[in-house]
């Protein structure tokens, strides 16, 4: 009886071991990154630009700092692109305006990477100007009327701006 079980077990193992395995299908996924760059104002480059954290460290306790910064655009004037807001992290923002109102950025630039060159300062934004910005941003009248105090915050007057958008396309299905 033991011999029969041994022979049957061995035959079973060989039959399982000889089963033809189907080759695993491998699909090659190709991703293509397209970068679209637009320049506004002076013709600047990304070379020498610093990060937001480097900017904050350099700007500490200074009245003004001429610099070039790379970051993300959080918001853009919805009427004509005459200002934008960059996030500085830790719930801090910096409003960016454009020297002498000579140029604007695309209305759809929010969420895109940017490099800005110009002068950073700490500035008081009046109630009147805050209301104007809120109106440009499309805020409700109730939100605009709620603005009653000026703000002391980061400001940046840009002489040149680069807006960069990366688009990734893939052949994966």
N, C-alpha and C. Protein backbone atom coordinates (compact mmCIF):
# COMPACT_ATOMS: atom_id res chain seq x y z
N UNK A 1 0.82 -1.18 0.00
CA UNK A 1 0.00 0.00 0.00
C UNK A 1 0.87 1.26 0.00
N UNK A 2 1.96 1.21 0.82
CA UNK A 2 2.85 2.35 0.87
C UNK A 2 3.49 2.60 -0.48
N UNK A 3 3.84 1.49 -1.21
CA UNK A 3 4.46 1.64 -2.51
C UNK A 3 3.51 2.31 -3.49
N UNK A 4 2.24 1.96 -3.43
CA UNK A 4 1.25 2.52 -4.35
C UNK A 4 1.10 4.02 -4.06
N UNK A 5 1.04 4.40 -2.79
CA UNK A 5 0.92 5.81 -2.44
C UNK A 5 2.16 6.58 -2.87
N UNK A 6 3.33 5.94 -2.68
CA UNK A 6 4.56 6.60 -3.07
C UNK A 6 4.61 6.82 -4.58
N UNK A 7 4.24 5.79 -5.35
CA UNK A 7 4.25 5.89 -6.81
C UNK A 7 3.21 6.92 -7.28
N UNK A 8 2.03 6.90 -6.67
CA UNK A 8 0.98 7.85 -7.05
C UNK A 8 1.42 9.28 -6.72
N UNK A 9 2.04 9.46 -5.56
CA UNK A 9 2.50 10.80 -5.15
C UNK A 9 3.59 11.31 -6.07
N UNK A 10 4.53 10.42 -6.44
CA UNK A 10 5.61 10.81 -7.33
C UNK A 10 5.07 11.17 -8.71
N UNK A 11 4.14 10.37 -9.21
CA UNK A 11 3.53 10.65 -10.52
C UNK A 11 2.80 12.00 -10.47
N UNK A 12 2.13 12.26 -9.38
CA UNK A 12 1.40 13.52 -9.24
C UNK A 12 2.37 14.71 -9.26
N UNK A 13 3.49 14.58 -8.53
CA UNK A 13 4.47 15.66 -8.50
C UNK A 13 5.07 15.92 -9.88
N UNK A 14 5.40 14.87 -10.59
CA UNK A 14 5.96 15.04 -11.93
C UNK A 14 4.94 15.66 -12.88
N UNK A 15 3.69 15.27 -12.74
CA UNK A 15 2.68 15.82 -13.64
C UNK A 15 2.46 17.30 -13.36
N UNK A 16 2.55 17.71 -12.09
CA UNK A 16 2.41 19.13 -11.75
C UNK A 16 3.64 19.91 -12.21
N UNK A 17 4.79 19.31 -12.05
CA UNK A 17 6.03 19.99 -12.40
C UNK A 17 6.18 20.17 -13.90
N UNK A 18 5.56 19.35 -14.68
CA UNK A 18 5.68 19.45 -16.13
C UNK A 18 4.59 20.31 -16.76
N UNK A 19 3.73 20.87 -15.96
CA UNK A 19 2.66 21.71 -16.52
C UNK A 19 3.31 22.91 -17.21
N UNK A 20 2.83 23.18 -18.40
CA UNK A 20 3.41 24.29 -19.16
C UNK A 20 2.90 25.60 -18.59
N UNK A 21 3.84 26.48 -18.24
CA UNK A 21 3.46 27.77 -17.69
C UNK A 21 3.33 28.77 -18.83
N UNK A 22 2.29 29.57 -18.74
CA UNK A 22 2.10 30.61 -19.75
C UNK A 22 3.04 31.76 -19.43
N UNK A 23 3.68 32.28 -20.45
CA UNK A 23 4.57 33.41 -20.19
C UNK A 23 3.76 34.62 -19.71
N UNK A 24 4.35 35.34 -18.78
CA UNK A 24 3.69 36.53 -18.23
C UNK A 24 3.76 37.65 -19.26
N UNK A 25 2.63 38.28 -19.50
CA UNK A 25 2.58 39.35 -20.48
C UNK A 25 3.14 40.63 -19.86
N UNK A 26 4.07 41.23 -20.56
CA UNK A 26 4.69 42.46 -20.08
C UNK A 26 4.32 43.57 -21.06
N UNK A 27 3.74 44.63 -20.51
CA UNK A 27 3.40 45.77 -21.34
C UNK A 27 4.35 46.91 -21.02
N UNK A 28 4.83 47.53 -22.04
CA UNK A 28 5.72 48.67 -21.86
C UNK A 28 4.86 49.94 -21.80
N UNK A 29 5.01 50.67 -20.71
CA UNK A 29 4.27 51.92 -20.55
C UNK A 29 5.23 53.07 -20.83
N UNK A 30 4.83 53.91 -21.75
CA UNK A 30 5.66 55.04 -22.10
C UNK A 30 4.96 56.31 -21.65
N UNK A 31 5.67 57.09 -20.85
CA UNK A 31 5.14 58.38 -20.41
C UNK A 31 5.95 59.48 -21.08
N UNK A 32 5.25 60.45 -21.59
CA UNK A 32 5.91 61.57 -22.24
C UNK A 32 5.58 62.83 -21.46
N UNK A 33 6.62 63.58 -21.11
CA UNK A 33 6.44 64.82 -20.37
C UNK A 33 6.64 65.98 -21.34
N UNK A 34 5.62 66.82 -21.43
CA UNK A 34 5.69 68.01 -22.26
C UNK A 34 5.75 69.21 -21.34
N UNK A 35 6.71 70.08 -21.55
CA UNK A 35 6.86 71.28 -20.73
C UNK A 35 6.58 72.50 -21.59
N UNK A 36 5.60 73.27 -21.17
CA UNK A 36 5.27 74.51 -21.87
C UNK A 36 5.70 75.67 -20.99
N UNK A 37 6.52 76.55 -21.54
CA UNK A 37 7.03 77.70 -20.79
C UNK A 37 6.58 78.98 -21.47
N UNK A 38 6.03 79.89 -20.66
CA UNK A 38 5.72 81.23 -21.18
C UNK A 38 6.47 82.23 -20.32
N UNK A 39 6.91 83.30 -20.94
CA UNK A 39 7.65 84.35 -20.23
C UNK A 39 6.87 85.64 -20.32
N UNK A 40 6.91 86.40 -19.24
CA UNK A 40 6.17 87.65 -19.14
C UNK A 40 7.08 88.70 -18.52
N UNK A 41 7.03 89.91 -19.04
CA UNK A 41 7.91 90.97 -18.55
C UNK A 41 9.30 90.80 -19.13
N UNK A 42 10.32 91.11 -18.31
CA UNK A 42 11.71 90.94 -18.76
C UNK A 42 12.00 89.49 -19.09
N UNK A 43 12.89 89.27 -20.02
CA UNK A 43 13.29 87.91 -20.41
C UNK A 43 14.26 87.37 -19.36
N UNK A 44 13.74 86.56 -18.45
CA UNK A 44 14.57 85.99 -17.39
C UNK A 44 14.75 84.50 -17.63
N UNK A 45 15.67 83.89 -16.85
CA UNK A 45 15.89 82.45 -16.90
C UNK A 45 15.64 81.89 -15.51
N UNK A 46 15.58 80.56 -15.42
CA UNK A 46 15.40 79.91 -14.12
C UNK A 46 16.73 79.80 -13.37
N UNK A 47 17.83 80.02 -14.06
CA UNK A 47 19.16 79.90 -13.47
C UNK A 47 19.32 80.83 -12.27
N UNK A 48 19.78 80.27 -11.16
CA UNK A 48 20.03 81.06 -9.96
C UNK A 48 18.80 81.26 -9.08
N UNK A 49 17.67 80.71 -9.47
CA UNK A 49 16.46 80.86 -8.65
C UNK A 49 16.58 80.04 -7.37
N UNK A 50 16.02 80.57 -6.29
CA UNK A 50 16.06 79.89 -5.00
C UNK A 50 14.67 79.38 -4.64
N UNK A 51 14.64 78.43 -3.72
CA UNK A 51 13.37 77.87 -3.27
C UNK A 51 12.68 78.82 -2.29
N UNK A 52 11.44 78.53 -2.00
CA UNK A 52 10.68 79.34 -1.03
C UNK A 52 11.37 79.33 0.33
N UNK A 53 11.82 78.16 0.78
CA UNK A 53 12.47 78.09 2.10
C UNK A 53 13.77 78.88 2.11
N UNK A 54 14.54 78.85 1.03
CA UNK A 54 15.77 79.65 0.95
C UNK A 54 15.42 81.14 0.98
N UNK A 55 14.37 81.51 0.26
CA UNK A 55 13.93 82.90 0.24
C UNK A 55 13.58 83.37 1.65
N UNK A 56 12.77 82.59 2.37
CA UNK A 56 12.36 82.99 3.72
C UNK A 56 13.56 83.15 4.65
N UNK A 57 14.54 82.26 4.51
CA UNK A 57 15.75 82.35 5.35
C UNK A 57 16.56 83.59 5.00
N UNK A 58 16.69 83.91 3.71
CA UNK A 58 17.46 85.08 3.30
C UNK A 58 16.75 86.40 3.62
N UNK A 59 15.42 86.37 3.55
CA UNK A 59 14.65 87.60 3.71
C UNK A 59 14.47 88.01 5.17
N UNK A 60 14.65 87.07 6.07
CA UNK A 60 14.41 87.33 7.49
C UNK A 60 15.10 88.61 7.96
N UNK A 61 14.32 89.49 8.58
CA UNK A 61 14.79 90.75 9.16
C UNK A 61 15.39 91.73 8.14
N UNK A 62 14.98 91.65 6.90
CA UNK A 62 15.41 92.61 5.89
C UNK A 62 14.21 93.43 5.46
N UNK A 63 14.48 94.63 5.02
CA UNK A 63 13.40 95.47 4.51
C UNK A 63 13.04 95.13 3.08
N UNK A 64 14.05 94.76 2.29
CA UNK A 64 13.81 94.42 0.89
C UNK A 64 14.90 93.44 0.45
N UNK A 65 14.56 92.62 -0.54
CA UNK A 65 15.52 91.65 -1.05
C UNK A 65 15.29 91.49 -2.55
N UNK A 66 16.31 91.83 -3.33
CA UNK A 66 16.25 91.59 -4.77
C UNK A 66 16.63 90.13 -4.99
N UNK A 67 15.75 89.36 -5.64
CA UNK A 67 15.97 87.93 -5.74
C UNK A 67 15.20 87.31 -6.90
N UNK A 68 15.43 86.01 -7.06
CA UNK A 68 14.71 85.21 -8.05
C UNK A 68 14.24 83.96 -7.31
N UNK A 69 12.95 83.67 -7.36
CA UNK A 69 12.34 82.61 -6.56
C UNK A 69 11.56 81.66 -7.47
N UNK A 70 11.61 80.38 -7.15
CA UNK A 70 10.79 79.38 -7.83
C UNK A 70 9.77 78.83 -6.85
N UNK A 71 8.52 78.74 -7.27
CA UNK A 71 7.46 78.22 -6.43
C UNK A 71 6.22 77.89 -7.25
N UNK A 72 5.09 77.80 -6.57
CA UNK A 72 3.83 77.46 -7.22
C UNK A 72 2.86 78.62 -7.10
N UNK A 73 2.18 78.89 -8.19
CA UNK A 73 1.17 79.95 -8.21
C UNK A 73 -0.11 79.39 -7.58
N UNK A 74 -0.59 80.06 -6.56
CA UNK A 74 -1.81 79.61 -5.87
C UNK A 74 -3.07 80.24 -6.47
N UNK A 75 -2.96 81.50 -6.86
CA UNK A 75 -4.13 82.24 -7.32
C UNK A 75 -3.68 83.32 -8.30
N UNK A 76 -4.56 83.66 -9.24
CA UNK A 76 -4.28 84.70 -10.23
C UNK A 76 -5.49 85.61 -10.31
N UNK A 77 -5.27 86.89 -10.54
CA UNK A 77 -6.37 87.81 -10.78
C UNK A 77 -7.24 87.24 -11.90
N UNK A 78 -8.53 87.06 -11.62
CA UNK A 78 -9.41 86.42 -12.59
C UNK A 78 -9.88 87.37 -13.68
N UNK A 79 -9.59 88.65 -13.53
CA UNK A 79 -10.05 89.62 -14.54
C UNK A 79 -9.05 89.77 -15.68
N UNK A 80 -7.75 89.97 -15.35
CA UNK A 80 -6.78 90.12 -16.42
C UNK A 80 -5.38 89.60 -16.10
N UNK A 81 -5.21 88.92 -14.96
CA UNK A 81 -3.89 88.37 -14.63
C UNK A 81 -2.90 89.41 -14.16
N UNK A 82 -3.41 90.49 -13.51
CA UNK A 82 -2.54 91.60 -13.12
C UNK A 82 -1.86 91.39 -11.77
N UNK A 83 -2.12 90.28 -11.09
CA UNK A 83 -1.41 89.91 -9.88
C UNK A 83 -1.54 88.40 -9.69
N UNK A 84 -0.71 87.86 -8.84
CA UNK A 84 -0.82 86.44 -8.48
C UNK A 84 -0.38 86.27 -7.04
N UNK A 85 -0.72 85.14 -6.46
CA UNK A 85 -0.37 84.82 -5.09
C UNK A 85 0.44 83.53 -5.10
N UNK A 86 1.56 83.54 -4.38
CA UNK A 86 2.38 82.34 -4.21
C UNK A 86 2.29 81.89 -2.77
N UNK A 87 2.21 80.58 -2.56
CA UNK A 87 2.22 80.04 -1.21
C UNK A 87 3.66 80.01 -0.70
N UNK A 88 3.82 80.43 0.57
CA UNK A 88 5.13 80.38 1.22
C UNK A 88 5.19 79.26 2.26
N UNK A 89 4.11 78.48 2.37
CA UNK A 89 4.03 77.43 3.38
C UNK A 89 3.58 78.00 4.71
N UNK A 90 3.21 77.14 5.64
CA UNK A 90 2.77 77.55 6.98
C UNK A 90 1.69 78.63 6.94
N UNK A 91 0.75 78.50 6.00
CA UNK A 91 -0.37 79.44 5.85
C UNK A 91 0.09 80.87 5.54
N UNK A 92 1.28 81.02 4.98
CA UNK A 92 1.78 82.33 4.56
C UNK A 92 1.67 82.42 3.05
N UNK A 93 1.36 83.62 2.57
CA UNK A 93 1.27 83.85 1.14
C UNK A 93 2.04 85.11 0.79
N UNK A 94 2.36 85.23 -0.49
CA UNK A 94 3.02 86.44 -0.97
C UNK A 94 2.29 86.89 -2.24
N UNK A 95 1.80 88.11 -2.21
CA UNK A 95 1.16 88.67 -3.39
C UNK A 95 2.25 89.19 -4.31
N UNK A 96 2.15 88.83 -5.59
CA UNK A 96 3.11 89.25 -6.60
C UNK A 96 2.40 90.19 -7.57
N UNK A 97 2.95 91.39 -7.69
CA UNK A 97 2.44 92.34 -8.69
C UNK A 97 3.54 92.53 -9.73
N UNK A 98 3.21 93.22 -10.80
CA UNK A 98 4.14 93.31 -11.91
C UNK A 98 4.57 94.76 -12.13
N UNK A 99 5.87 94.95 -12.22
CA UNK A 99 6.48 96.29 -12.26
C UNK A 99 5.76 97.21 -13.26
N UNK A 100 5.35 98.35 -12.74
CA UNK A 100 4.70 99.39 -13.52
C UNK A 100 3.46 98.90 -14.27
N UNK A 101 2.89 97.78 -13.81
CA UNK A 101 1.64 97.27 -14.42
C UNK A 101 1.85 97.03 -15.92
N UNK A 102 3.09 96.68 -16.30
CA UNK A 102 3.45 96.56 -17.72
C UNK A 102 3.12 95.21 -18.35
N UNK A 103 2.91 94.18 -17.52
CA UNK A 103 2.62 92.87 -18.09
C UNK A 103 1.72 92.10 -17.14
N UNK A 104 1.16 91.01 -17.64
CA UNK A 104 0.23 90.18 -16.86
C UNK A 104 0.60 88.71 -17.08
N UNK A 105 0.02 87.83 -16.26
CA UNK A 105 0.22 86.39 -16.44
C UNK A 105 -1.09 85.77 -16.92
N UNK A 106 -1.04 84.57 -17.49
CA UNK A 106 -2.26 83.93 -17.97
C UNK A 106 -3.27 83.71 -16.84
N UNK A 107 -4.54 83.87 -17.14
CA UNK A 107 -5.59 83.70 -16.14
C UNK A 107 -5.65 82.28 -15.59
N UNK A 108 -5.17 81.31 -16.36
CA UNK A 108 -5.21 79.90 -15.93
C UNK A 108 -3.89 79.44 -15.30
N UNK A 109 -3.08 80.37 -14.81
CA UNK A 109 -1.76 80.01 -14.29
C UNK A 109 -1.78 79.40 -12.89
N UNK A 110 -2.90 79.49 -12.17
CA UNK A 110 -2.96 78.91 -10.81
C UNK A 110 -2.63 77.42 -10.87
N UNK A 111 -1.79 76.99 -9.92
CA UNK A 111 -1.38 75.60 -9.84
C UNK A 111 -0.12 75.28 -10.62
N UNK A 112 0.35 76.22 -11.42
CA UNK A 112 1.54 75.99 -12.24
C UNK A 112 2.79 76.48 -11.51
N UNK A 113 3.93 75.93 -11.93
CA UNK A 113 5.21 76.34 -11.37
C UNK A 113 5.59 77.70 -11.96
N UNK A 114 6.30 78.49 -11.17
CA UNK A 114 6.72 79.81 -11.64
C UNK A 114 8.10 80.15 -11.11
N UNK A 115 8.78 80.98 -11.87
CA UNK A 115 10.01 81.61 -11.41
C UNK A 115 9.78 83.10 -11.56
N UNK A 116 10.01 83.83 -10.48
CA UNK A 116 9.80 85.28 -10.50
C UNK A 116 11.10 85.98 -10.13
N UNK A 117 11.34 87.10 -10.77
CA UNK A 117 12.52 87.90 -10.46
C UNK A 117 12.06 89.32 -10.14
N UNK A 118 12.61 89.88 -9.06
CA UNK A 118 12.23 91.23 -8.69
C UNK A 118 12.63 91.53 -7.27
N UNK A 119 11.80 92.33 -6.58
CA UNK A 119 12.12 92.77 -5.22
C UNK A 119 11.01 92.38 -4.25
N UNK A 120 11.41 91.68 -3.19
CA UNK A 120 10.49 91.28 -2.13
C UNK A 120 10.56 92.30 -1.00
N UNK A 121 9.40 92.60 -0.43
CA UNK A 121 9.32 93.50 0.72
C UNK A 121 8.24 93.00 1.66
N UNK A 122 8.18 93.60 2.83
CA UNK A 122 7.04 93.43 3.72
C UNK A 122 6.24 94.71 3.54
N UNK A 123 4.93 94.58 3.34
CA UNK A 123 4.15 95.75 2.99
C UNK A 123 2.78 95.69 3.66
N UNK A 124 2.24 96.86 3.93
CA UNK A 124 0.87 96.94 4.44
C UNK A 124 -0.06 97.10 3.25
N UNK A 125 -1.02 96.20 3.16
CA UNK A 125 -2.03 96.28 2.11
C UNK A 125 -3.26 96.93 2.71
N UNK A 126 -3.69 98.04 2.13
CA UNK A 126 -4.82 98.79 2.67
C UNK A 126 -6.12 98.01 2.52
N UNK A 127 -7.12 98.39 3.30
CA UNK A 127 -8.45 97.78 3.21
C UNK A 127 -8.99 97.95 1.80
N UNK A 128 -8.82 99.15 1.24
CA UNK A 128 -9.31 99.42 -0.12
C UNK A 128 -8.67 98.46 -1.13
N UNK A 129 -7.36 98.25 -1.03
CA UNK A 129 -6.68 97.37 -1.97
C UNK A 129 -7.07 95.91 -1.73
N UNK A 130 -7.20 95.51 -0.47
CA UNK A 130 -7.64 94.14 -0.16
C UNK A 130 -9.02 93.87 -0.76
N UNK A 131 -9.91 94.85 -0.67
CA UNK A 131 -11.24 94.70 -1.26
C UNK A 131 -11.15 94.60 -2.78
N UNK A 132 -10.26 95.40 -3.37
CA UNK A 132 -10.05 95.34 -4.82
C UNK A 132 -9.56 93.95 -5.23
N UNK A 133 -8.57 93.41 -4.49
CA UNK A 133 -8.05 92.07 -4.79
C UNK A 133 -9.16 91.03 -4.64
N UNK A 134 -9.97 91.15 -3.59
CA UNK A 134 -11.06 90.20 -3.37
C UNK A 134 -12.06 90.25 -4.52
N UNK A 135 -12.34 91.44 -5.00
CA UNK A 135 -13.25 91.60 -6.14
C UNK A 135 -12.65 90.96 -7.39
N UNK A 136 -11.35 91.22 -7.63
CA UNK A 136 -10.66 90.61 -8.78
C UNK A 136 -10.66 89.09 -8.70
N UNK A 137 -10.60 88.57 -7.47
CA UNK A 137 -10.58 87.12 -7.28
C UNK A 137 -11.95 86.49 -7.40
N UNK A 138 -12.99 87.32 -7.52
CA UNK A 138 -14.34 86.79 -7.67
C UNK A 138 -15.02 86.46 -6.36
N UNK A 139 -14.54 87.03 -5.25
CA UNK A 139 -15.16 86.79 -3.95
C UNK A 139 -16.57 87.40 -3.92
N UNK A 140 -17.41 86.87 -3.04
CA UNK A 140 -18.77 87.38 -2.91
C UNK A 140 -18.75 88.77 -2.26
N UNK A 141 -19.83 89.50 -2.41
CA UNK A 141 -19.93 90.84 -1.81
C UNK A 141 -19.84 90.73 -0.29
N UNK A 142 -20.39 89.66 0.26
CA UNK A 142 -20.33 89.44 1.72
C UNK A 142 -18.88 89.30 2.18
N UNK A 143 -18.07 88.54 1.41
CA UNK A 143 -16.65 88.36 1.75
C UNK A 143 -15.89 89.68 1.61
N UNK A 144 -16.22 90.45 0.60
CA UNK A 144 -15.56 91.75 0.38
C UNK A 144 -15.90 92.71 1.52
N UNK A 145 -17.17 92.76 1.91
CA UNK A 145 -17.61 93.65 2.99
C UNK A 145 -17.00 93.26 4.34
N UNK A 146 -16.60 92.00 4.49
CA UNK A 146 -16.02 91.52 5.76
C UNK A 146 -14.58 92.01 5.95
N UNK A 147 -13.97 92.56 4.91
CA UNK A 147 -12.59 93.07 5.01
C UNK A 147 -12.64 94.44 5.67
N UNK A 148 -12.08 94.52 6.88
CA UNK A 148 -12.13 95.78 7.63
C UNK A 148 -10.78 96.22 8.18
N UNK A 149 -9.77 95.36 8.06
CA UNK A 149 -8.44 95.67 8.61
C UNK A 149 -7.37 95.53 7.53
N UNK A 150 -6.40 96.42 7.52
CA UNK A 150 -5.28 96.26 6.59
C UNK A 150 -4.44 95.04 6.99
N UNK A 151 -3.63 94.55 6.07
CA UNK A 151 -2.77 93.39 6.36
C UNK A 151 -1.31 93.77 6.13
N UNK A 152 -0.45 93.27 7.00
CA UNK A 152 0.99 93.42 6.84
C UNK A 152 1.50 92.08 6.37
N UNK A 153 2.01 92.02 5.15
CA UNK A 153 2.38 90.73 4.60
C UNK A 153 3.49 90.86 3.57
N UNK A 154 3.92 89.69 3.06
CA UNK A 154 4.95 89.63 2.03
C UNK A 154 4.40 90.19 0.72
N UNK A 155 5.21 90.96 0.04
CA UNK A 155 4.85 91.50 -1.27
C UNK A 155 6.05 91.34 -2.19
N UNK A 156 5.78 91.21 -3.46
CA UNK A 156 6.85 91.02 -4.44
C UNK A 156 6.49 91.79 -5.69
N UNK A 157 7.40 92.67 -6.13
CA UNK A 157 7.20 93.36 -7.40
C UNK A 157 8.12 92.70 -8.42
N UNK A 158 7.50 91.97 -9.34
CA UNK A 158 8.26 91.20 -10.32
C UNK A 158 8.57 92.04 -11.56
N UNK A 159 9.81 91.85 -12.04
CA UNK A 159 10.20 92.47 -13.31
C UNK A 159 10.09 91.45 -14.44
N UNK A 160 10.12 90.17 -14.09
CA UNK A 160 10.00 89.09 -15.06
C UNK A 160 9.41 87.86 -14.41
N UNK A 161 8.63 87.12 -15.18
CA UNK A 161 7.97 85.91 -14.68
C UNK A 161 8.05 84.82 -15.73
N UNK A 162 8.34 83.62 -15.28
CA UNK A 162 8.26 82.42 -16.12
C UNK A 162 7.14 81.56 -15.55
N UNK A 163 6.23 81.13 -16.40
CA UNK A 163 5.18 80.20 -15.99
C UNK A 163 5.45 78.90 -16.72
N UNK A 164 5.54 77.80 -15.95
CA UNK A 164 5.90 76.51 -16.52
C UNK A 164 4.81 75.50 -16.21
N UNK A 165 4.37 74.80 -17.25
CA UNK A 165 3.35 73.76 -17.07
C UNK A 165 3.87 72.46 -17.64
N UNK A 166 3.86 71.42 -16.81
CA UNK A 166 4.27 70.09 -17.26
C UNK A 166 3.03 69.24 -17.48
N UNK A 167 2.94 68.59 -18.64
CA UNK A 167 1.84 67.71 -18.95
C UNK A 167 2.42 66.32 -19.18
N UNK A 168 1.87 65.32 -18.51
CA UNK A 168 2.33 63.94 -18.67
C UNK A 168 1.27 63.17 -19.43
N UNK A 169 1.68 62.55 -20.54
CA UNK A 169 0.78 61.68 -21.28
C UNK A 169 1.35 60.27 -21.24
N UNK A 170 0.47 59.28 -21.23
CA UNK A 170 0.89 57.90 -21.09
C UNK A 170 0.13 57.05 -22.09
N UNK A 171 0.77 55.95 -22.54
CA UNK A 171 0.10 55.02 -23.43
C UNK A 171 -0.58 53.89 -22.67
N UNK A 172 -0.54 53.93 -21.33
CA UNK A 172 -1.17 52.87 -20.51
C UNK A 172 -2.67 52.92 -20.66
N UNK A 173 -3.28 51.73 -20.66
CA UNK A 173 -4.73 51.66 -20.79
C UNK A 173 -5.34 51.11 -19.54
